[in-house]
C-alpha atoms as a PDB file:
ATOM      1  CA  MET A   1     -53.963  72.436 217.194  1.00  0.00           C
ATOM      2  CA  GLY A   2     -51.177  70.450 218.770  1.00  0.00           C
ATOM      3  CA  ASP A   3     -47.611  71.678 218.963  1.00  0.00           C
ATOM      4  CA  ASP A   4     -44.523  69.698 218.060  1.00  0.00           C
ATOM      5  CA  ARG A   5     -44.474  68.094 221.629  1.00  0.00           C
ATOM      6  CA  THR A   6     -48.031  66.699 221.269  1.00  0.00           C
ATOM      7  CA  PRO A   7     -48.114  62.893 220.569  1.00  0.00           C
ATOM      8  CA  ARG A   8     -49.427  62.359 217.172  1.00  0.00           C
ATOM      9  CA  ALA A   9     -51.316  59.421 215.484  1.00  0.00           C
ATOM     10  CA  VAL A  10     -49.174  56.680 214.066  1.00  0.00           C
ATOM     11  CA  PHE A  11     -50.714  54.743 211.039  1.00  0.00           C
ATOM     12  CA  GLU A  12     -49.008  51.279 210.471  1.00  0.00           C
ATOM     13  CA  LEU A  13     -49.554  48.452 208.058  1.00  0.00           C
ATOM     14  CA  LEU A  14     -47.892  45.358 209.462  1.00  0.00           C
ATOM     15  CA  ILE A  15     -47.267  42.821 206.696  1.00  0.00           C
ATOM     16  CA  PRO A  16     -45.939  39.307 207.705  1.00  0.00           C
ATOM     17  CA  ILE A  17     -43.022  38.535 205.318  1.00  0.00           C
ATOM     18  CA  PRO A  18     -40.408  35.691 205.646  1.00  0.00           C
ATOM     19  CA  GLU A  19     -37.082  36.853 206.781  1.00  0.00           C
ATOM     20  CA  GLU A  20     -35.459  35.918 203.571  1.00  0.00           C
ATOM     21  CA  SER A  21     -37.942  38.083 201.629  1.00  0.00           C
ATOM     22  CA  GLN A  22     -37.343  40.964 204.038  1.00  0.00           C
ATOM     23  CA  ARG A  23     -33.629  40.794 203.302  1.00  0.00           C
ATOM     24  CA  THR A  24     -34.514  41.177 199.483  1.00  0.00           C
ATOM     25  CA  ALA A  25     -37.219  43.661 199.731  1.00  0.00           C
ATOM     26  CA  VAL A  26     -37.032  46.374 196.966  1.00  0.00           C
ATOM     27  CA  THR A  27     -37.623  50.093 197.773  1.00  0.00           C
ATOM     28  CA  PHE A  28     -37.452  52.961 195.362  1.00  0.00           C
ATOM     29  CA  SER A  29     -37.659  56.759 195.258  1.00  0.00           C
ATOM     30  CA  THR A  30     -39.490  59.424 193.447  1.00  0.00           C
ATOM     31  CA  PRO A  31     -36.938  61.246 191.114  1.00  0.00           C
ATOM     32  CA  GLY A  32     -34.939  63.725 193.234  1.00  0.00           C
ATOM     33  CA  GLN A  33     -35.852  62.077 196.596  1.00  0.00           C
ATOM     34  CA  PRO A  34     -34.079  59.475 198.745  1.00  0.00           C
ATOM     35  CA  PRO A  35     -35.172  55.893 198.385  1.00  0.00           C
ATOM     36  CA  PRO A  36     -38.406  55.157 200.322  1.00  0.00           C
ATOM     37  CA  SER A  37     -40.940  52.532 199.194  1.00  0.00           C
ATOM     38  CA  PRO A  38     -42.930  51.454 196.200  1.00  0.00           C
ATOM     39  CA  TRP A  39     -46.016  53.202 197.771  1.00  0.00           C
ATOM     40  CA  GLY A  40     -44.862  56.700 198.456  1.00  0.00           C
ATOM     41  CA  ARG A  41     -43.651  58.908 201.368  1.00  0.00           C
ATOM     42  CA  GLY A  42     -45.341  59.703 204.665  1.00  0.00           C
ATOM     43  CA  TRP A  43     -45.848  62.697 206.771  1.00  0.00           C
ATOM     44  CA  GLY A  44     -42.548  63.797 208.155  1.00  0.00           C
ATOM     45  CA  ARG A  45     -41.241  60.285 208.453  1.00  0.00           C
ATOM     46  CA  GLY A  46     -38.191  60.739 206.126  1.00  0.00           C
ATOM     47  CA  ASP A  47     -37.444  57.669 204.171  1.00  0.00           C
ATOM     48  CA  THR A  48     -39.780  55.360 205.978  1.00  0.00           C
ATOM     49  CA  PRO A  49     -41.751  53.235 203.532  1.00  0.00           C
ATOM     50  CA  THR A  50     -45.450  54.102 203.376  1.00  0.00           C
ATOM     51  CA  VAL A  51     -48.629  52.972 201.669  1.00  0.00           C
ATOM     52  CA  LEU A  52     -50.498  55.820 199.943  1.00  0.00           C
ATOM     53  CA  GLY A  53     -48.220  58.250 201.750  1.00  0.00           C
ATOM     54  CA  LEU A  54     -50.172  57.449 204.967  1.00  0.00           C
ATOM     55  CA  TRP A  55     -49.602  54.012 206.273  1.00  0.00           C
ATOM     56  CA  THR A  56     -46.045  53.131 207.527  1.00  0.00           C
ATOM     57  CA  THR A  57     -45.173  49.793 206.294  1.00  0.00           C
ATOM     58  CA  ILE A  58     -43.537  47.406 208.785  1.00  0.00           C
ATOM     59  CA  PRO A  59     -42.488  43.877 207.583  1.00  0.00           C
ATOM     60  CA  THR A  60     -42.901  41.376 210.420  1.00  0.00           C
ATOM     61  CA  SER A  61     -41.860  37.738 210.652  1.00  0.00           C
ATOM     62  CA  PRO A  62     -44.810  35.362 210.880  1.00  0.00           C
ATOM     63  CA  PRO A  63     -44.814  33.498 214.342  1.00  0.00           C
ATOM     64  CA  ALA A  64     -43.924  29.905 214.276  1.00  0.00           C
ATOM     65  CA  THR A  65     -47.261  28.824 215.906  1.00  0.00           C
ATOM     66  CA  ILE A  66     -50.396  30.674 216.916  1.00  0.00           C
ATOM     67  CA  SER A  67     -53.797  29.907 218.256  1.00  0.00           C
ATOM     68  CA  PHE A  68     -56.770  31.971 217.274  1.00  0.00           C
ATOM     69  CA  ASP A  69     -60.390  31.831 216.104  1.00  0.00           C
ATOM     70  CA  THR A  70     -60.588  33.079 212.496  1.00  0.00           C
ATOM     71  CA  THR A  71     -64.266  33.814 212.764  1.00  0.00           C
ATOM     72  CA  THR A  72     -63.983  36.336 215.647  1.00  0.00           C
ATOM     73  CA  ALA A  73     -61.789  39.371 216.480  1.00  0.00           C
ATOM     74  CA  GLN A  74     -60.351  37.589 219.501  1.00  0.00           C
ATOM     75  CA  GLY A  75     -56.681  36.412 219.777  1.00  0.00           C
ATOM     76  CA  GLN A  76     -53.995  37.394 217.337  1.00  0.00           C
ATOM     77  CA  PRO A  77     -54.103  37.977 213.521  1.00  0.00           C
ATOM     78  CA  PRO A  78     -53.557  34.931 211.335  1.00  0.00           C
ATOM     79  CA  THR A  79     -50.021  34.257 210.745  1.00  0.00           C
ATOM     80  CA  ASP A  80     -50.100  35.664 207.239  1.00  0.00           C
ATOM     81  CA  ALA A  81     -52.725  38.379 207.718  1.00  0.00           C
ATOM     82  CA  PRO A  82     -51.541  42.092 207.399  1.00  0.00           C
ATOM     83  CA  THR A  83     -52.712  44.310 210.214  1.00  0.00           C
ATOM     84  CA  TRP A  84     -53.893  47.853 209.780  1.00  0.00           C
ATOM     85  CA  ARG A  85     -53.068  49.483 213.142  1.00  0.00           C
ATOM     86  CA  VAL A  86     -53.686  53.123 214.160  1.00  0.00           C
ATOM     87  CA  ASN A  87     -52.133  54.414 217.420  1.00  0.00           C
ATOM     88  CA  LEU A  88     -53.837  57.595 218.516  1.00  0.00           C
ATOM     89  CA  PRO A  89     -52.853  60.201 221.203  1.00  0.00           C
ATOM     90  CA  ALA A  90     -54.798  60.177 224.401  1.00  0.00           C
ATOM     91  CA  ASP A  91     -56.125  63.745 223.622  1.00  0.00           C
ATOM     92  CA  PRO A  92     -59.489  63.026 221.882  1.00  0.00           C
ATOM     93  CA  GLU A  93     -59.387  66.322 220.007  1.00  0.00           C
ATOM     94  CA  GLN A  94     -55.960  65.605 218.723  1.00  0.00           C
ATOM     95  CA  ALA A  95     -56.887  62.124 217.800  1.00  0.00           C
ATOM     96  CA  ALA A  96     -59.828  63.404 215.803  1.00  0.00           C
ATOM     97  CA  ARG A  97     -57.640  65.926 214.039  1.00  0.00           C
ATOM     98  CA  ASP A  98     -55.125  63.305 213.063  1.00  0.00           C
ATOM     99  CA  LEU A  99     -57.908  61.127 211.552  1.00  0.00           C
ATOM    100  CA  ASP A 100     -59.157  64.163 209.751  1.00  0.00           C
ATOM    101  CA  GLY A 101     -55.732  64.557 208.287  1.00  0.00           C
ATOM    102  CA  ALA A 102     -55.561  60.943 207.327  1.00  0.00           C
ATOM    103  CA  GLU A 103     -58.863  61.087 205.604  1.00  0.00           C
ATOM    104  CA  ARG A 104     -57.931  64.217 203.489  1.00  0.00           C
ATOM    105  CA  GLY A 105     -54.683  62.445 202.543  1.00  0.00           C
ATOM    106  CA  LEU A 106     -56.497  59.366 201.333  1.00  0.00           C
ATOM    107  CA  GLU A 107     -58.925  61.566 199.395  1.00  0.00           C
ATOM    108  CA  THR A 108     -55.956  63.294 197.753  1.00  0.00           C
ATOM    109  CA  ALA A 109     -54.554  59.879 196.729  1.00  0.00           C
ATOM    110  CA  GLN A 110     -57.814  59.014 195.160  1.00  0.00           C
ATOM    111  CA  ASP A 111     -57.894  62.221 193.358  1.00  0.00           C
ATOM    112  CA  GLY A 112     -54.451  61.527 192.059  1.00  0.00           C
ATOM    113  CA  LEU A 113     -55.636  58.348 190.361  1.00  0.00           C
ATOM    114  CA  THR A 114     -58.314  60.165 188.480  1.00  0.00           C
ATOM    115  CA  ALA A 115     -55.819  62.816 187.450  1.00  0.00           C
ATOM    116  CA  ALA A 116     -53.242  60.111 186.290  1.00  0.00           C
ATOM    117  CA  ALA A 117     -55.877  58.313 184.165  1.00  0.00           C
ATOM    118  CA  ASP A 118     -56.767  61.756 182.584  1.00  0.00           C
ATOM    119  CA  ARG A 119     -53.097  62.679 181.968  1.00  0.00           C
ATOM    120  CA  ILE A 120     -52.419  59.264 180.334  1.00  0.00           C
ATOM    121  CA  ASP A 121     -55.224  59.894 177.871  1.00  0.00           C
ATOM    122  CA  THR A 122     -53.994  63.314 177.168  1.00  0.00           C
ATOM    123  CA  LEU A 123     -50.488  62.132 176.556  1.00  0.00           C
ATOM    124  CA  ILE A 124     -51.573  59.435 174.149  1.00  0.00           C
ATOM    125  CA  ALA A 125     -53.701  61.811 172.155  1.00  0.00           C
ATOM    126  CA  GLY A 126     -50.573  64.012 171.610  1.00  0.00           C
ATOM    127  CA  GLN A 127     -48.367  61.151 170.518  1.00  0.00           C
ATOM    128  CA  PRO A 128     -48.108  59.239 167.100  1.00  0.00           C
ATOM    129  CA  ALA A 129     -48.764  55.605 167.188  1.00  0.00           C
ATOM    130  CA  GLY A 130     -45.878  53.047 166.906  1.00  0.00           C
ATOM    131  CA  LEU A 131     -43.688  55.130 169.259  1.00  0.00           C
ATOM    132  CA  ALA A 132     -42.549  57.584 166.656  1.00  0.00           C
ATOM    133  CA  PHE A 133     -42.040  60.065 169.366  1.00  0.00           C
ATOM    134  CA  ASP A 134     -38.811  61.608 170.425  1.00  0.00           C
ATOM    135  CA  VAL A 135     -38.629  62.380 174.065  1.00  0.00           C
ATOM    136  CA  SER A 136     -36.262  65.183 173.698  1.00  0.00           C
ATOM    137  CA  GLY A 137     -38.594  66.874 171.229  1.00  0.00           C
ATOM    138  CA  SER A 138     -41.968  66.264 173.044  1.00  0.00           C
ATOM    139  CA  GLY A 139     -42.219  69.808 173.866  1.00  0.00           C
ATOM    140  CA  PRO A 140     -40.686  72.042 176.584  1.00  0.00           C
ATOM    141  CA  ASP A 141     -44.085  72.331 178.386  1.00  0.00           C
ATOM    142  CA  LEU A 142     -44.442  68.563 178.991  1.00  0.00           C
ATOM    143  CA  PRO A 143     -44.475  67.720 182.661  1.00  0.00           C
ATOM    144  CA  ASP A 144     -41.599  65.891 184.084  1.00  0.00           C
ATOM    145  CA  ALA A 145     -43.681  62.780 184.867  1.00  0.00           C
ATOM    146  CA  GLU A 146     -44.912  62.526 181.333  1.00  0.00           C
ATOM    147  CA  ARG A 147     -41.367  62.959 179.985  1.00  0.00           C
ATOM    148  CA  GLU A 148     -40.003  60.161 182.209  1.00  0.00           C
ATOM    149  CA  LEU A 149     -43.024  57.933 181.157  1.00  0.00           C
ATOM    150  CA  LEU A 150     -42.186  58.469 177.482  1.00  0.00           C
ATOM    151  CA  ALA A 151     -38.464  57.810 178.180  1.00  0.00           C
ATOM    152  CA  LEU A 152     -39.346  54.493 179.914  1.00  0.00           C
ATOM    153  CA  LEU A 153     -41.585  53.453 176.920  1.00  0.00           C
ATOM    154  CA  GLU A 154     -38.875  54.669 174.412  1.00  0.00           C
ATOM    155  CA  GLU A 155     -36.328  52.328 176.195  1.00  0.00           C
ATOM    156  CA  ALA A 156     -38.656  49.514 176.194  1.00  0.00           C
ATOM    157  CA  GLU A 157     -39.198  49.965 172.526  1.00  0.00           C
ATOM    158  CA  ARG A 158     -35.453  49.982 171.823  1.00  0.00           C
ATOM    159  CA  GLY A 159     -35.045  46.766 173.655  1.00  0.00           C
ATOM    160  CA  ALA A 160     -32.528  45.748 176.419  1.00  0.00           C
ATOM    161  CA  PRO A 161     -31.507  42.473 178.139  1.00  0.00           C
ATOM    162  CA  PRO A 162     -34.812  40.776 179.536  1.00  0.00           C
ATOM    163  CA  ILE A 163     -35.668  40.780 183.173  1.00  0.00           C
ATOM    164  CA  SER A 164     -37.896  38.106 184.759  1.00  0.00           C
ATOM    165  CA  PHE A 165     -41.284  39.489 185.717  1.00  0.00           C
ATOM    166  CA  GLY A 166     -44.360  37.984 187.059  1.00  0.00           C
ATOM    167  CA  ALA A 167     -45.556  34.484 186.240  1.00  0.00           C
ATOM    168  CA  GLY A 168     -43.026  33.616 183.546  1.00  0.00           C
ATOM    169  CA  GLU A 169     -43.149  36.967 181.680  1.00  0.00           C
ATOM    170  CA  THR A 170     -40.202  38.913 180.701  1.00  0.00           C
ATOM    171  CA  ILE A 171     -39.780  42.714 180.525  1.00  0.00           C
ATOM    172  CA  ARG A 172     -36.888  44.347 178.795  1.00  0.00           C
ATOM    173  CA  SER A 173     -34.744  46.124 181.333  1.00  0.00           C
ATOM    174  CA  GLY A 174     -33.245  49.452 181.381  1.00  0.00           C
ATOM    175  CA  TRP A 175     -36.454  49.278 183.294  1.00  0.00           C
ATOM    176  CA  THR A 176     -34.662  47.371 186.002  1.00  0.00           C
ATOM    177  CA  GLN A 177     -35.598  49.850 188.743  1.00  0.00           C
ATOM    178  CA  ALA A 178     -39.183  50.328 187.457  1.00  0.00           C
ATOM    179  CA  THR A 179     -39.931  46.541 187.161  1.00  0.00           C
ATOM    180  CA  GLU A 180     -38.476  45.930 190.484  1.00  0.00           C
ATOM    181  CA  GLN A 181     -40.648  48.746 192.015  1.00  0.00           C
ATOM    182  CA  PHE A 182     -43.700  47.368 190.359  1.00  0.00           C
ATOM    183  CA  GLN A 183     -42.982  43.776 191.355  1.00  0.00           C
ATOM    184  CA  ALA A 184     -42.483  44.966 195.020  1.00  0.00           C
ATOM    185  CA  PHE A 185     -45.969  46.685 194.763  1.00  0.00           C
ATOM    186  CA  VAL A 186     -47.575  43.455 193.337  1.00  0.00           C
ATOM    187  CA  ASP A 187     -46.010  41.217 196.144  1.00  0.00           C
ATOM    188  CA  GLN A 188     -47.112  43.546 198.953  1.00  0.00           C
ATOM    189  CA  LEU A 189     -50.678  43.940 197.400  1.00  0.00           C
ATOM    190  CA  ARG A 190     -50.928  40.162 197.041  1.00  0.00           C
ATOM    191  CA  ARG A 191     -50.097  39.724 200.772  1.00  0.00           C
ATOM    192  CA  ILE A 192     -52.652  42.515 201.632  1.00  0.00           C
ATOM    193  CA  VAL A 193     -55.572  40.985 199.731  1.00  0.00           C
ATOM    194  CA  SER A 194     -54.947  37.444 200.868  1.00  0.00           C
ATOM    195  CA  HIS A 195     -57.050  38.444 203.894  1.00  0.00           C
ATOM    196  CA  TYR A 196     -59.668  41.053 203.645  1.00  0.00           C
ATOM    197  CA  ALA A 197     -58.931  43.152 206.741  1.00  0.00           C
ATOM    198  CA  TRP A 198     -57.594  43.013 210.339  1.00  0.00           C
ATOM    199  CA  VAL A 199     -57.929  46.482 211.844  1.00  0.00           C
ATOM    200  CA  GLU A 200     -56.784  47.756 215.288  1.00  0.00           C
ATOM    201  CA  THR A 201     -57.298  51.026 216.997  1.00  0.00           C
ATOM    202  CA  ARG A 202     -55.012  51.847 219.960  1.00  0.00           C
ATOM    203  CA  VAL A 203     -54.692  54.928 222.236  1.00  0.00           C
ATOM    204  CA  GLN A 204     -51.037  55.332 223.350  1.00  0.00           C
ATOM    205  CA  GLY A 205     -50.452  51.657 222.777  1.00  0.00           C
ATOM    206  CA  GLN A 206     -53.470  50.391 224.525  1.00  0.00           C
ATOM    207  CA  LEU A 207     -55.859  48.334 222.354  1.00  0.00           C
ATOM    208  CA  LEU A 208     -59.437  49.800 222.243  1.00  0.00           C
ATOM    209  CA  SER A 209     -60.884  47.702 219.517  1.00  0.00           C
ATOM    210  CA  ARG A 210     -60.094  45.127 216.873  1.00  0.00           C
ATOM    211  CA  THR A 211     -62.132  44.040 213.878  1.00  0.00           C
ATOM    212  CA  THR A 212     -61.822  41.346 211.313  1.00  0.00           C
ATOM    213  CA  VAL A 213     -63.684  41.755 208.008  1.00  0.00           C
ATOM    214  CA  GLY A 214     -64.240  38.577 205.997  1.00  0.00           C
ATOM    215  CA  TRP A 215     -64.584  38.468 202.154  1.00  0.00           C
ATOM    216  CA  THR A 216     -68.377  38.270 202.446  1.00  0.00           C
ATOM    217  CA  GLY A 217     -68.295  41.554 204.299  1.00  0.00           C
ATOM    218  CA  ASP A 218     -69.075  39.918 207.664  1.00  0.00           C
ATOM    219  CA  MET A 219     -67.470  41.862 210.575  1.00  0.00           C
ATOM    220  CA  ALA A 220     -66.532  40.759 213.951  1.00  0.00           C
ATOM    221  CA  THR A 221     -65.272  43.382 216.395  1.00  0.00           C
ATOM    222  CA  ALA A 222     -63.885  43.016 219.988  1.00  0.00           C
ATOM    223  CA  TRP A 223     -64.160  46.061 222.206  1.00  0.00           C
ATOM    224  CA  GLN A 224     -62.298  46.933 225.357  1.00  0.00           C
ATOM    225  CA  ALA A 225     -64.838  47.136 228.334  1.00  0.00           C
ATOM    226  CA  GLY A 226     -66.062  50.537 229.255  1.00  0.00           C
ATOM    227  CA  LEU A 227     -65.553  52.445 225.951  1.00  0.00           C
ATOM    228  CA  ASP A 228     -67.614  55.524 225.310  1.00  0.00           C
ATOM    229  CA  ALA A 229     -69.405  56.554 222.212  1.00  0.00           C
ATOM    230  CA  GLU A 230     -66.540  58.876 221.222  1.00  0.00           C
ATOM    231  CA  GLN A 231     -63.905  56.133 221.601  1.00  0.00           C
ATOM    232  CA  MET A 232     -66.092  53.674 219.644  1.00  0.00           C
ATOM    233  CA  ASP A 233     -66.264  56.328 216.813  1.00  0.00           C
ATOM    234  CA  LEU A 234     -62.538  56.607 216.667  1.00  0.00           C
ATOM    235  CA  HIS A 235     -62.398  52.811 215.845  1.00  0.00           C
ATOM    236  CA  ARG A 236     -65.236  53.216 213.310  1.00  0.00           C
ATOM    237  CA  ARG A 237     -63.122  55.808 211.560  1.00  0.00           C
ATOM    238  CA  THR A 238     -60.087  53.786 211.623  1.00  0.00           C
ATOM    239  CA  LEU A 239     -61.794  50.805 210.179  1.00  0.00           C
ATOM    240  CA  THR A 240     -63.352  52.948 207.353  1.00  0.00           C
ATOM    241  CA  LEU A 241     -59.823  54.448 206.574  1.00  0.00           C
ATOM    242  CA  ALA A 242     -58.223  51.029 206.353  1.00  0.00           C
ATOM    243  CA  LEU A 243     -60.846  49.525 204.069  1.00  0.00           C
ATOM    244  CA  SER A 244     -60.898  52.529 201.967  1.00  0.00           C
ATOM    245  CA  SER A 245     -57.053  52.457 201.698  1.00  0.00           C
ATOM    246  CA  ARG A 246     -57.134  48.849 200.740  1.00  0.00           C
ATOM    247  CA  GLN A 247     -59.642  49.566 198.030  1.00  0.00           C
ATOM    248  CA  THR A 248     -57.646  52.504 196.751  1.00  0.00           C
ATOM    249  CA  MET A 249     -54.537  50.160 196.402  1.00  0.00           C
ATOM    250  CA  ILE A 250     -56.463  47.784 194.417  1.00  0.00           C
ATOM    251  CA  ARG A 251     -57.783  50.560 192.232  1.00  0.00           C
ATOM    252  CA  THR A 252     -54.159  51.721 191.704  1.00  0.00           C
ATOM    253  CA  PHE A 253     -53.298  48.188 190.244  1.00  0.00           C
ATOM    254  CA  THR A 254     -56.378  48.266 188.143  1.00  0.00           C
ATOM    255  CA  LEU A 255     -55.612  51.742 186.715  1.00  0.00           C
ATOM    256  CA  ALA A 256     -51.980  50.740 186.069  1.00  0.00           C
ATOM    257  CA  ALA A 257     -53.302  47.795 184.031  1.00  0.00           C
ATOM    258  CA  SER A 258     -55.806  49.841 182.039  1.00  0.00           C
ATOM    259  CA  GLY A 259     -53.274  52.728 181.621  1.00  0.00           C
ATOM    260  CA  ALA A 260     -50.691  50.228 180.243  1.00  0.00           C
ATOM    261  CA  ALA A 261     -53.152  48.763 177.803  1.00  0.00           C
ATOM    262  CA  ARG A 262     -53.842  52.276 176.533  1.00  0.00           C
ATOM    263  CA  LEU A 263     -50.189  53.194 176.357  1.00  0.00           C
ATOM    264  CA  SER A 264     -49.453  50.085 174.418  1.00  0.00           C
ATOM    265  CA  VAL A 265     -50.799  51.643 171.306  1.00  0.00           C
ATOM    266  CA  LEU A 266     -47.681  53.709 171.170  1.00  0.00           C
ATOM    267  CA  LEU A 267     -45.473  50.587 171.065  1.00  0.00           C
ATOM    268  CA  SER A 268     -44.798  48.599 168.028  1.00  0.00           C
ATOM    269  CA  THR A 269     -43.159  45.910 170.169  1.00  0.00           C
ATOM    270  CA  PRO A 270     -45.289  42.789 170.816  1.00  0.00           C
ATOM    271  CA  GLY A 271     -46.604  42.529 174.309  1.00  0.00           C
ATOM    272  CA  GLY A 272     -46.791  46.286 174.712  1.00  0.00           C
ATOM    273  CA  ALA A 273     -49.290  46.241 177.564  1.00  0.00           C
ATOM    274  CA  ILE A 274     -46.782  44.129 179.592  1.00  0.00           C
ATOM    275  CA  LEU A 275     -43.882  46.341 178.754  1.00  0.00           C
ATOM    276  CA  ALA A 276     -45.852  49.452 179.817  1.00  0.00           C
ATOM    277  CA  LEU A 277     -47.191  48.109 183.052  1.00  0.00           C
ATOM    278  CA  PRO A 278     -44.291  49.339 185.412  1.00  0.00           C
ATOM    279  CA  ALA A 279     -44.061  52.672 183.483  1.00  0.00           C
ATOM    280  CA  ALA A 280     -47.759  53.311 183.947  1.00  0.00           C
ATOM    281  CA  TRP A 281     -47.692  52.324 187.630  1.00  0.00           C
ATOM    282  CA  LYS A 282     -44.795  54.545 188.315  1.00  0.00           C
ATOM    283  CA  PHE A 283     -46.419  57.406 186.462  1.00  0.00           C
ATOM    284  CA  ILE A 284     -49.632  56.958 188.701  1.00  0.00           C
ATOM    285  CA  ASN A 285     -47.580  57.354 191.817  1.00  0.00           C
ATOM    286  CA  GLN A 286     -45.713  60.359 190.488  1.00  0.00           C
ATOM    287  CA  VAL A 287     -48.919  62.181 189.767  1.00  0.00           C
ATOM    288  CA  ARG A 288     -50.254  61.308 193.229  1.00  0.00           C
ATOM    289  CA  ALA A 289     -47.066  62.632 194.847  1.00  0.00           C
ATOM    290  CA  GLU A 290     -47.236  65.748 192.799  1.00  0.00           C
ATOM    291  CA  LEU A 291     -50.965  66.374 193.942  1.00  0.00           C
ATOM    292  CA  GLU A 292     -49.963  65.772 197.500  1.00  0.00           C
ATOM    293  CA  LYS A 293     -47.139  68.247 197.272  1.00  0.00           C
ATOM    294  CA  HIS A 294     -49.363  70.826 195.637  1.00  0.00           C
ATOM    295  CA  GLN A 295     -52.080  70.735 198.213  1.00  0.00           C
ATOM    296  CA  HIS A 296     -49.562  70.551 201.167  1.00  0.00           C
ATOM    297  CA  ILE A 297     -51.183  67.602 202.770  1.00  0.00           C
ATOM    298  CA  SER A 298     -50.550  67.384 206.478  1.00  0.00           C
ATOM    299  CA  PRO A 299     -52.296  65.408 209.321  1.00  0.00           C
ATOM    300  CA  GLU A 300     -53.805  68.557 210.880  1.00  0.00           C
END
């Protein structure tokens, strides 16, 4: 086990975003925590925005010009392609431990999605249709995340000044924070899925390997000369972690949409599924954060 002075792995997701968008980027916090990002908090990084509590998000400005071959892993990433980058310590044992911790963290995030879906179903089963529920009278044993979800739905049902959302849709706001959080999530996810994957493994800043993965599943990998089997395995694990993280993010969106559709039965307002989307997504992230805290996830 490494001590506090041992270099630790850094997991980064570099997302090219125009400077004007960076200035207006929205972040948010879990209740009771300082404002981080729409994805969660990382390991010991304070308020640094993270994806799935693991990947530190770094908005970057796309270069004005670039030359590369999109069919290979040579050169630089496409100007609008996000890069999943892992910078590992030189100690191979510490590098392996850090990857072990990252893999456990991702498994916890995936478990949180399953738990959130089950809790949404349980919540719906205990509420009357048409939003006749009273949040204050929902029972003293109702978890905080469920109480907040009901409060957001109740606020949507009451109605408030509309806020622009998505492609021409409107969502009633009292919601302003929740809808901005969800919109930030959708914007980042759109950028991430515009290219399937561009993944780098580094050791103390030195590039070991870079892989591009196309939408057809074709992979092209460039290796530093002279790598041994252990170093090549580090990149294989990085690649698997990045692709699994991306899939988990897509699943998060899918679960938010299906959860919102189920929650809409509690609303008498037309377009209930649209109204419930930000609340469902926020609830999913809260459940995931609860599970991470309960299991005391760390990179070791």
